[in-house]
Amino acid sequence: MSNAPKFGLNGPQSEAVLYLDGPCLVLAGAGSGKTRVITQKIAYMIEHCGYDPRTIAALTFTNKAALEMQERIAKLLKQPKQAKQLTVSTFHSLGVKILRQEAAGVGLKDKFSIMDSDDCYTV
């Protein structure tokens, strides 16, 4: 690990960035640096390991967090435009995207709509 890039992270955080042998779940409390670890990892995968940004997905719970994550990654990359090739979205928006692409295969109409909680009460 002495030849590893410096990320300004602590030991376990750096280990998470460098780990590439399968899924890596980052669990920690609020403000502990989870987003920093994930953004550093994605930049490392692209810059140092040759991953195609189109093959990387980062999921979060809010649109604000997804936008912030994409912006942070762009700042870390030598070619910031590569960040636009990533799939950085909320769990919900990725689910809708997949359903729209595969609508016919799962028995949905092309123009299906999703009901929010208020719609559920009015139906």
N, C-alpha and C. Protein backbone atom coordinates (compact mmCIF):
# COMPACT_ATOMS: atom_id res chain seq x y z
N MET A 1 0.81 -1.19 0.00
CA MET A 1 0.00 0.00 0.00
C MET A 1 0.86 1.26 0.00
N SER A 2 2.17 1.13 0.17
CA SER A 2 3.04 2.30 0.21
C SER A 2 3.08 3.03 -1.13
N ASN A 3 2.83 2.33 -2.24
CA ASN A 3 2.80 2.96 -3.56
C ASN A 3 1.42 3.47 -3.93
N ALA A 4 0.45 3.31 -3.02
CA ALA A 4 -0.92 3.71 -3.31
C ALA A 4 -1.03 5.23 -3.34
N PRO A 5 -1.94 5.75 -4.16
CA PRO A 5 -2.16 7.19 -4.19
C PRO A 5 -2.63 7.68 -2.82
N LYS A 6 -2.34 8.92 -2.50
CA LYS A 6 -2.77 9.52 -1.23
C LYS A 6 -4.12 10.20 -1.46
N PHE A 7 -5.07 9.89 -0.61
CA PHE A 7 -6.41 10.43 -0.77
C PHE A 7 -6.79 11.41 0.33
N GLY A 8 -5.94 11.57 1.35
CA GLY A 8 -6.32 12.39 2.49
C GLY A 8 -7.38 11.72 3.34
N LEU A 9 -7.37 10.39 3.35
CA LEU A 9 -8.34 9.60 4.10
C LEU A 9 -7.64 8.82 5.20
N ASN A 10 -8.41 8.33 6.16
CA ASN A 10 -7.81 7.48 7.19
C ASN A 10 -7.61 6.07 6.64
N GLY A 11 -7.01 5.19 7.43
CA GLY A 11 -6.67 3.84 6.97
C GLY A 11 -7.83 3.05 6.41
N PRO A 12 -8.91 2.85 7.18
CA PRO A 12 -10.05 2.09 6.66
C PRO A 12 -10.69 2.73 5.42
N GLN A 13 -10.71 4.06 5.39
CA GLN A 13 -11.28 4.74 4.22
C GLN A 13 -10.42 4.48 2.98
N SER A 14 -9.11 4.57 3.14
CA SER A 14 -8.20 4.29 2.01
C SER A 14 -8.33 2.85 1.55
N GLU A 15 -8.48 1.92 2.51
CA GLU A 15 -8.67 0.51 2.15
C GLU A 15 -9.92 0.34 1.29
N ALA A 16 -10.99 1.04 1.65
CA ALA A 16 -12.24 0.95 0.89
C ALA A 16 -12.04 1.46 -0.53
N VAL A 17 -11.29 2.55 -0.68
CA VAL A 17 -11.02 3.11 -2.01
C VAL A 17 -10.24 2.11 -2.86
N LEU A 18 -9.25 1.48 -2.27
CA LEU A 18 -8.36 0.59 -3.02
C LEU A 18 -8.92 -0.81 -3.24
N TYR A 19 -9.95 -1.20 -2.50
CA TYR A 19 -10.51 -2.55 -2.61
C TYR A 19 -11.28 -2.69 -3.93
N LEU A 20 -10.89 -3.67 -4.74
CA LEU A 20 -11.52 -3.86 -6.05
C LEU A 20 -11.95 -5.30 -6.30
N ASP A 21 -11.90 -6.15 -5.29
CA ASP A 21 -12.18 -7.57 -5.47
C ASP A 21 -13.63 -7.96 -5.26
N GLY A 22 -14.55 -7.05 -5.49
CA GLY A 22 -15.97 -7.34 -5.32
C GLY A 22 -16.66 -6.14 -4.69
N PRO A 23 -17.92 -6.33 -4.33
CA PRO A 23 -18.67 -5.22 -3.72
C PRO A 23 -18.00 -4.73 -2.44
N CYS A 24 -18.14 -3.45 -2.19
CA CYS A 24 -17.58 -2.84 -0.99
C CYS A 24 -18.66 -1.96 -0.38
N LEU A 25 -19.20 -2.37 0.74
CA LEU A 25 -20.26 -1.63 1.42
C LEU A 25 -19.62 -0.66 2.40
N VAL A 26 -19.95 0.62 2.27
CA VAL A 26 -19.42 1.65 3.15
C VAL A 26 -20.52 2.05 4.12
N LEU A 27 -20.39 1.63 5.38
CA LEU A 27 -21.37 1.93 6.42
C LEU A 27 -20.73 2.82 7.47
N ALA A 28 -21.32 3.96 7.74
CA ALA A 28 -20.78 4.86 8.76
C ALA A 28 -21.84 5.92 9.07
N GLY A 29 -21.63 6.63 10.14
CA GLY A 29 -22.58 7.65 10.57
C GLY A 29 -22.51 8.91 9.71
N ALA A 30 -23.46 9.81 9.98
CA ALA A 30 -23.54 11.07 9.26
C ALA A 30 -22.26 11.88 9.45
N GLY A 31 -21.77 12.48 8.38
CA GLY A 31 -20.60 13.34 8.46
C GLY A 31 -19.28 12.63 8.65
N SER A 32 -19.27 11.32 8.43
CA SER A 32 -18.05 10.55 8.67
C SER A 32 -17.17 10.38 7.43
N GLY A 33 -17.64 10.85 6.28
CA GLY A 33 -16.82 10.78 5.08
C GLY A 33 -17.21 9.71 4.08
N LYS A 34 -18.44 9.18 4.17
CA LYS A 34 -18.87 8.13 3.23
C LYS A 34 -18.84 8.63 1.79
N THR A 35 -19.40 9.80 1.56
CA THR A 35 -19.44 10.34 0.20
C THR A 35 -18.03 10.60 -0.32
N ARG A 36 -17.17 11.07 0.54
CA ARG A 36 -15.78 11.31 0.13
C ARG A 36 -15.11 10.01 -0.27
N VAL A 37 -15.33 8.95 0.50
CA VAL A 37 -14.75 7.64 0.17
C VAL A 37 -15.27 7.17 -1.18
N ILE A 38 -16.56 7.26 -1.38
CA ILE A 38 -17.17 6.77 -2.62
C ILE A 38 -16.69 7.57 -3.82
N THR A 39 -16.64 8.90 -3.69
CA THR A 39 -16.18 9.71 -4.83
C THR A 39 -14.71 9.47 -5.12
N GLN A 40 -13.90 9.33 -4.09
CA GLN A 40 -12.48 9.03 -4.29
C GLN A 40 -12.31 7.66 -4.95
N LYS A 41 -13.13 6.70 -4.53
CA LYS A 41 -13.05 5.35 -5.11
C LYS A 41 -13.39 5.37 -6.59
N ILE A 42 -14.45 6.07 -6.94
CA ILE A 42 -14.86 6.14 -8.35
C ILE A 42 -13.76 6.81 -9.18
N ALA A 43 -13.22 7.91 -8.69
CA ALA A 43 -12.13 8.59 -9.41
C ALA A 43 -10.92 7.67 -9.54
N TYR A 44 -10.60 6.94 -8.48
CA TYR A 44 -9.47 6.00 -8.51
C TYR A 44 -9.70 4.91 -9.56
N MET A 45 -10.92 4.38 -9.60
CA MET A 45 -11.24 3.32 -10.56
C MET A 45 -11.06 3.81 -12.00
N ILE A 46 -11.44 5.05 -12.25
CA ILE A 46 -11.34 5.60 -13.60
C ILE A 46 -9.90 6.00 -13.92
N GLU A 47 -9.28 6.76 -13.04
CA GLU A 47 -7.94 7.32 -13.29
C GLU A 47 -6.81 6.30 -13.21
N HIS A 48 -6.87 5.40 -12.23
CA HIS A 48 -5.74 4.50 -11.97
C HIS A 48 -5.96 3.06 -12.43
N CYS A 49 -7.22 2.67 -12.61
CA CYS A 49 -7.50 1.27 -12.94
C CYS A 49 -8.10 1.11 -14.33
N GLY A 50 -8.38 2.21 -15.02
CA GLY A 50 -8.87 2.13 -16.38
C GLY A 50 -10.32 1.74 -16.55
N TYR A 51 -11.12 1.87 -15.49
CA TYR A 51 -12.54 1.54 -15.62
C TYR A 51 -13.22 2.54 -16.54
N ASP A 52 -14.14 2.05 -17.34
CA ASP A 52 -14.96 2.90 -18.20
C ASP A 52 -16.04 3.52 -17.32
N PRO A 53 -16.16 4.85 -17.28
CA PRO A 53 -17.16 5.48 -16.43
C PRO A 53 -18.59 5.01 -16.71
N ARG A 54 -18.84 4.56 -17.94
CA ARG A 54 -20.19 4.10 -18.29
C ARG A 54 -20.55 2.80 -17.59
N THR A 55 -19.57 2.14 -16.96
CA THR A 55 -19.84 0.87 -16.28
C THR A 55 -19.94 1.03 -14.76
N ILE A 56 -19.95 2.27 -14.29
CA ILE A 56 -19.99 2.53 -12.85
C ILE A 56 -21.31 3.19 -12.48
N ALA A 57 -21.93 2.69 -11.41
CA ALA A 57 -23.16 3.28 -10.89
C ALA A 57 -22.96 3.64 -9.43
N ALA A 58 -23.40 4.82 -9.05
CA ALA A 58 -23.39 5.27 -7.66
C ALA A 58 -24.81 5.69 -7.30
N LEU A 59 -25.36 5.08 -6.27
CA LEU A 59 -26.75 5.33 -5.90
C LEU A 59 -26.84 5.98 -4.53
N THR A 60 -27.80 6.89 -4.40
CA THR A 60 -28.01 7.58 -3.14
C THR A 60 -29.51 7.79 -2.95
N PHE A 61 -29.88 8.46 -1.88
CA PHE A 61 -31.30 8.60 -1.56
C PHE A 61 -31.93 9.90 -2.04
N THR A 62 -31.13 10.94 -2.29
CA THR A 62 -31.71 12.22 -2.70
C THR A 62 -31.06 12.72 -3.98
N ASN A 63 -31.83 13.50 -4.74
CA ASN A 63 -31.30 14.12 -5.96
C ASN A 63 -30.15 15.06 -5.62
N LYS A 64 -30.27 15.78 -4.51
CA LYS A 64 -29.22 16.71 -4.09
C LYS A 64 -27.91 15.96 -3.85
N ALA A 65 -27.98 14.84 -3.17
CA ALA A 65 -26.78 14.05 -2.89
C ALA A 65 -26.18 13.49 -4.18
N ALA A 66 -27.03 13.06 -5.11
CA ALA A 66 -26.54 12.53 -6.38
C ALA A 66 -25.81 13.61 -7.18
N LEU A 67 -26.39 14.81 -7.22
CA LEU A 67 -25.76 15.92 -7.93
C LEU A 67 -24.42 16.29 -7.28
N GLU A 68 -24.41 16.35 -5.95
CA GLU A 68 -23.17 16.67 -5.25
C GLU A 68 -22.09 15.62 -5.51
N MET A 69 -22.50 14.36 -5.52
CA MET A 69 -21.54 13.29 -5.76
C MET A 69 -20.94 13.42 -7.16
N GLN A 70 -21.78 13.68 -8.15
CA GLN A 70 -21.28 13.81 -9.51
C GLN A 70 -20.33 15.01 -9.64
N GLU A 71 -20.66 16.11 -8.98
CA GLU A 71 -19.80 17.29 -9.02
C GLU A 71 -18.45 17.01 -8.36
N ARG A 72 -18.47 16.32 -7.22
CA ARG A 72 -17.22 15.99 -6.53
C ARG A 72 -16.33 15.09 -7.39
N ILE A 73 -16.96 14.11 -8.04
CA ILE A 73 -16.19 13.20 -8.89
C ILE A 73 -15.56 13.98 -10.05
N ALA A 74 -16.33 14.87 -10.66
CA ALA A 74 -15.81 15.67 -11.78
C ALA A 74 -14.57 16.46 -11.37
N LYS A 75 -14.58 16.99 -10.15
CA LYS A 75 -13.43 17.76 -9.66
C LYS A 75 -12.19 16.89 -9.45
N LEU A 76 -12.40 15.61 -9.21
CA LEU A 76 -11.28 14.70 -8.96
C LEU A 76 -10.66 14.14 -10.25
N LEU A 77 -11.40 14.19 -11.34
CA LEU A 77 -10.94 13.58 -12.59
C LEU A 77 -10.10 14.53 -13.43
N LYS A 78 -9.11 13.99 -14.12
CA LYS A 78 -8.30 14.79 -15.04
C LYS A 78 -9.16 15.27 -16.21
N GLN A 79 -10.13 14.44 -16.59
CA GLN A 79 -11.08 14.80 -17.64
C GLN A 79 -12.47 14.87 -16.99
N PRO A 80 -12.84 16.02 -16.44
CA PRO A 80 -14.10 16.14 -15.69
C PRO A 80 -15.35 15.71 -16.46
N LYS A 81 -15.30 15.81 -17.80
CA LYS A 81 -16.47 15.42 -18.59
C LYS A 81 -16.80 13.93 -18.45
N GLN A 82 -15.82 13.13 -18.01
CA GLN A 82 -16.08 11.71 -17.80
C GLN A 82 -17.14 11.48 -16.73
N ALA A 83 -17.27 12.41 -15.81
CA ALA A 83 -18.27 12.27 -14.74
C ALA A 83 -19.68 12.21 -15.31
N LYS A 84 -19.90 12.85 -16.44
CA LYS A 84 -21.23 12.82 -17.09
C LYS A 84 -21.58 11.43 -17.61
N GLN A 85 -20.57 10.59 -17.82
CA GLN A 85 -20.80 9.23 -18.34
C GLN A 85 -21.20 8.26 -17.23
N LEU A 86 -21.02 8.65 -15.99
CA LEU A 86 -21.38 7.79 -14.86
C LEU A 86 -22.89 7.74 -14.68
N THR A 87 -23.37 6.67 -14.07
CA THR A 87 -24.75 6.63 -13.60
C THR A 87 -24.70 7.00 -12.13
N VAL A 88 -25.08 8.24 -11.84
CA VAL A 88 -25.15 8.72 -10.45
C VAL A 88 -26.58 9.19 -10.26
N SER A 89 -27.34 8.46 -9.46
CA SER A 89 -28.75 8.78 -9.32
C SER A 89 -29.29 8.27 -8.00
N THR A 90 -30.57 8.54 -7.79
CA THR A 90 -31.23 7.98 -6.62
C THR A 90 -31.65 6.55 -6.95
N PHE A 91 -31.89 5.78 -5.91
CA PHE A 91 -32.39 4.42 -6.11
C PHE A 91 -33.69 4.47 -6.92
N HIS A 92 -34.56 5.42 -6.57
CA HIS A 92 -35.86 5.52 -7.23
C HIS A 92 -35.72 5.87 -8.71
N SER A 93 -34.88 6.85 -9.04
CA SER A 93 -34.76 7.24 -10.44
C SER A 93 -34.12 6.15 -11.28
N LEU A 94 -33.18 5.41 -10.72
CA LEU A 94 -32.60 4.29 -11.46
C LEU A 94 -33.65 3.21 -11.68
N GLY A 95 -34.45 2.93 -10.66
CA GLY A 95 -35.52 1.94 -10.81
C GLY A 95 -36.50 2.33 -11.90
N VAL A 96 -36.89 3.59 -11.93
CA VAL A 96 -37.82 4.07 -12.97
C VAL A 96 -37.18 3.97 -14.34
N LYS A 97 -35.91 4.33 -14.44
CA LYS A 97 -35.20 4.26 -15.73
C LYS A 97 -35.20 2.82 -16.25
N ILE A 98 -34.90 1.88 -15.38
CA ILE A 98 -34.89 0.47 -15.79
C ILE A 98 -36.28 0.01 -16.18
N LEU A 99 -37.28 0.38 -15.40
CA LEU A 99 -38.66 0.01 -15.74
C LEU A 99 -39.09 0.59 -17.09
N ARG A 100 -38.71 1.84 -17.36
CA ARG A 100 -39.08 2.45 -18.64
C ARG A 100 -38.40 1.73 -19.80
N GLN A 101 -37.15 1.32 -19.61
CA GLN A 101 -36.43 0.60 -20.67
C GLN A 101 -37.00 -0.79 -20.89
N GLU A 102 -37.49 -1.41 -19.84
CA GLU A 102 -37.95 -2.80 -19.90
C GLU A 102 -39.46 -2.92 -19.73
N ALA A 103 -40.20 -1.85 -19.95
CA ALA A 103 -41.64 -1.82 -19.69
C ALA A 103 -42.37 -2.99 -20.35
N ALA A 104 -42.15 -3.19 -21.62
CA ALA A 104 -42.86 -4.26 -22.33
C ALA A 104 -42.56 -5.63 -21.74
N GLY A 105 -41.33 -5.84 -21.34
CA GLY A 105 -40.92 -7.13 -20.79
C GLY A 105 -41.53 -7.46 -19.44
N VAL A 106 -41.98 -6.43 -18.72
CA VAL A 106 -42.59 -6.67 -17.41
C VAL A 106 -44.09 -6.35 -17.41
N GLY A 107 -44.66 -6.20 -18.62
CA GLY A 107 -46.10 -6.02 -18.75
C GLY A 107 -46.61 -4.63 -18.46
N LEU A 108 -45.78 -3.61 -18.63
CA LEU A 108 -46.22 -2.23 -18.43
C LEU A 108 -46.37 -1.53 -19.77
N LYS A 109 -47.25 -0.53 -19.80
CA LYS A 109 -47.37 0.31 -20.98
C LYS A 109 -46.16 1.24 -21.05
N ASP A 110 -45.84 1.69 -22.27
CA ASP A 110 -44.68 2.58 -22.46
C ASP A 110 -44.76 3.83 -21.59
N LYS A 111 -45.93 4.41 -21.48
CA LYS A 111 -46.10 5.69 -20.78
C LYS A 111 -46.71 5.50 -19.40
N PHE A 112 -46.26 4.50 -18.66
CA PHE A 112 -46.82 4.28 -17.32
C PHE A 112 -46.48 5.46 -16.41
N SER A 113 -47.29 5.64 -15.39
CA SER A 113 -47.00 6.69 -14.41
C SER A 113 -46.87 6.08 -13.03
N ILE A 114 -46.20 6.79 -12.18
CA ILE A 114 -45.97 6.32 -10.81
C ILE A 114 -46.76 7.22 -9.88
N MET A 115 -47.50 6.60 -9.00
CA MET A 115 -48.33 7.35 -8.06
C MET A 115 -47.52 7.70 -6.82
N ASP A 116 -47.69 8.95 -6.35
CA ASP A 116 -47.07 9.30 -5.07
C ASP A 116 -48.09 9.03 -3.97
N SER A 117 -47.72 9.28 -2.74
CA SER A 117 -48.60 8.93 -1.62
C SER A 117 -49.92 9.68 -1.66
N ASP A 118 -49.93 10.94 -2.12
CA ASP A 118 -51.18 11.68 -2.24
C ASP A 118 -52.10 11.06 -3.29
N ASP A 119 -51.52 10.61 -4.41
CA ASP A 119 -52.31 9.96 -5.46
C ASP A 119 -53.00 8.71 -4.92
N CYS A 120 -52.33 8.00 -4.06
CA CYS A 120 -52.89 6.75 -3.52
C CYS A 120 -54.19 6.99 -2.78
N TYR A 121 -54.30 8.13 -2.11
CA TYR A 121 -55.51 8.43 -1.35
C TYR A 121 -56.64 8.93 -2.24
N THR A 122 -56.32 9.48 -3.42
CA THR A 122 -57.36 10.01 -4.29
C THR A 122 -57.91 8.99 -5.27
N VAL A 123 -57.27 7.86 -5.38
CA VAL A 123 -57.71 6.84 -6.33
C VAL A 123 -58.89 6.07 -5.80
